[in-house]
Amino acid sequence: MLTAVAHERHGDRLLHVAYVQPATGVAWTTAVDNIGPALWREASPAEEPSEGDPDS
């Protein structure tokens, strides 16, 4: 989840920094240009692993 976007001065540069906190795990930061919207969709039955499939 995106928790904040800040404008931070680093030397002579002004950076747009995104602060991200996943539901579980470690919070991290990145340049705003490195993130985008996450589109949610349900998996279709053809994409779900079947029983006996080595990936399941």
C-alpha atoms as a PDB file:
ATOM      1  CA  MET A   1       0.000   0.000   0.000  1.00  0.00           C
ATOM      2  CA  LEU A   2       1.285   3.446  -0.877  1.00  0.00           C
ATOM      3  CA  THR A   3       1.501   5.346   2.411  1.00  0.00           C
ATOM      4  CA  ALA A   4       3.038   8.660   1.329  1.00  0.00           C
ATOM      5  CA  VAL A   5       4.638  10.615  -1.463  1.00  0.00           C
ATOM      6  CA  ALA A   6       7.193  13.211  -0.430  1.00  0.00           C
ATOM      7  CA  HIS A   7       9.347  15.773  -2.177  1.00  0.00           C
ATOM      8  CA  GLU A   8      12.815  15.394  -0.690  1.00  0.00           C
ATOM      9  CA  ARG A   9      15.866  17.495  -1.425  1.00  0.00           C
ATOM     10  CA  HIS A  10      19.045  15.447  -1.926  1.00  0.00           C
ATOM     11  CA  GLY A  11      21.940  17.778  -2.627  1.00  0.00           C
ATOM     12  CA  ASP A  12      20.832  20.046  -5.467  1.00  0.00           C
ATOM     13  CA  ARG A  13      18.118  17.622  -6.635  1.00  0.00           C
ATOM     14  CA  LEU A  14      14.452  17.528  -5.654  1.00  0.00           C
ATOM     15  CA  LEU A  15      13.234  13.910  -5.700  1.00  0.00           C
ATOM     16  CA  HIS A  16       9.669  12.601  -5.563  1.00  0.00           C
ATOM     17  CA  VAL A  17       9.832   9.625  -3.198  1.00  0.00           C
ATOM     18  CA  ALA A  18       7.082   7.025  -2.665  1.00  0.00           C
ATOM     19  CA  TYR A  19       6.827   5.268   0.684  1.00  0.00           C
ATOM     20  CA  VAL A  20       5.312   1.790   0.386  1.00  0.00           C
ATOM     21  CA  GLN A  21       4.159  -0.484   3.233  1.00  0.00           C
ATOM     22  CA  PRO A  22       2.999  -3.979   2.217  1.00  0.00           C
ATOM     23  CA  ALA A  23       0.366  -5.760   4.320  1.00  0.00           C
ATOM     24  CA  THR A  24       3.152  -7.973   5.648  1.00  0.00           C
ATOM     25  CA  GLY A  25       6.869  -7.485   5.304  1.00  0.00           C
ATOM     26  CA  VAL A  26       9.278  -4.607   5.189  1.00  0.00           C
ATOM     27  CA  ALA A  27       8.408  -1.034   4.239  1.00  0.00           C
ATOM     28  CA  TRP A  28      10.456   0.449   1.400  1.00  0.00           C
ATOM     29  CA  THR A  29      10.891   3.575  -0.675  1.00  0.00           C
ATOM     30  CA  THR A  30      11.379   4.183  -4.384  1.00  0.00           C
ATOM     31  CA  ALA A  31      11.176   6.974  -6.908  1.00  0.00           C
ATOM     32  CA  VAL A  32       7.575   7.849  -7.746  1.00  0.00           C
ATOM     33  CA  ASP A  33       8.322   7.135 -11.425  1.00  0.00           C
ATOM     34  CA  ASN A  34       8.957   3.471 -10.499  1.00  0.00           C
ATOM     35  CA  ILE A  35       5.419   2.758  -9.287  1.00  0.00           C
ATOM     36  CA  GLY A  36       2.027   2.514 -10.934  1.00  0.00           C
ATOM     37  CA  PRO A  37      -1.483   1.323 -10.177  1.00  0.00           C
ATOM     38  CA  ALA A  38      -2.064  -2.336  -9.393  1.00  0.00           C
ATOM     39  CA  LEU A  39      -5.059  -3.689 -11.253  1.00  0.00           C
ATOM     40  CA  TRP A  40      -6.961  -6.437  -9.439  1.00  0.00           C
ATOM     41  CA  ARG A  41      -8.708  -9.186 -11.334  1.00  0.00           C
ATOM     42  CA  GLU A  42      -9.980 -12.627 -10.444  1.00  0.00           C
ATOM     43  CA  ALA A  43      -8.038 -15.559 -11.877  1.00  0.00           C
ATOM     44  CA  SER A  44      -9.980 -17.511 -14.455  1.00  0.00           C
ATOM     45  CA  PRO A  45     -10.367 -21.273 -13.903  1.00  0.00           C
ATOM     46  CA  ALA A  46      -7.915 -21.890 -16.768  1.00  0.00           C
ATOM     47  CA  GLU A  47      -5.204 -19.961 -14.877  1.00  0.00           C
ATOM     48  CA  GLU A  48      -5.646 -21.810 -11.586  1.00  0.00           C
ATOM     49  CA  PRO A  49      -3.287 -24.777 -10.978  1.00  0.00           C
ATOM     50  CA  SER A  50      -4.965 -28.158 -11.181  1.00  0.00           C
ATOM     51  CA  GLU A  51      -4.455 -30.990  -8.747  1.00  0.00           C
ATOM     52  CA  GLY A  52      -1.409 -33.044  -9.639  1.00  0.00           C
ATOM     53  CA  ASP A  53       0.185 -30.096 -11.460  1.00  0.00           C
ATOM     54  CA  PRO A  54       3.852 -29.781 -10.366  1.00  0.00           C
ATOM     55  CA  ASP A  55       3.307 -26.052  -9.747  1.00  0.00           C
ATOM     56  CA  SER A  56       0.417 -26.577  -7.318  1.00  0.00           C
END
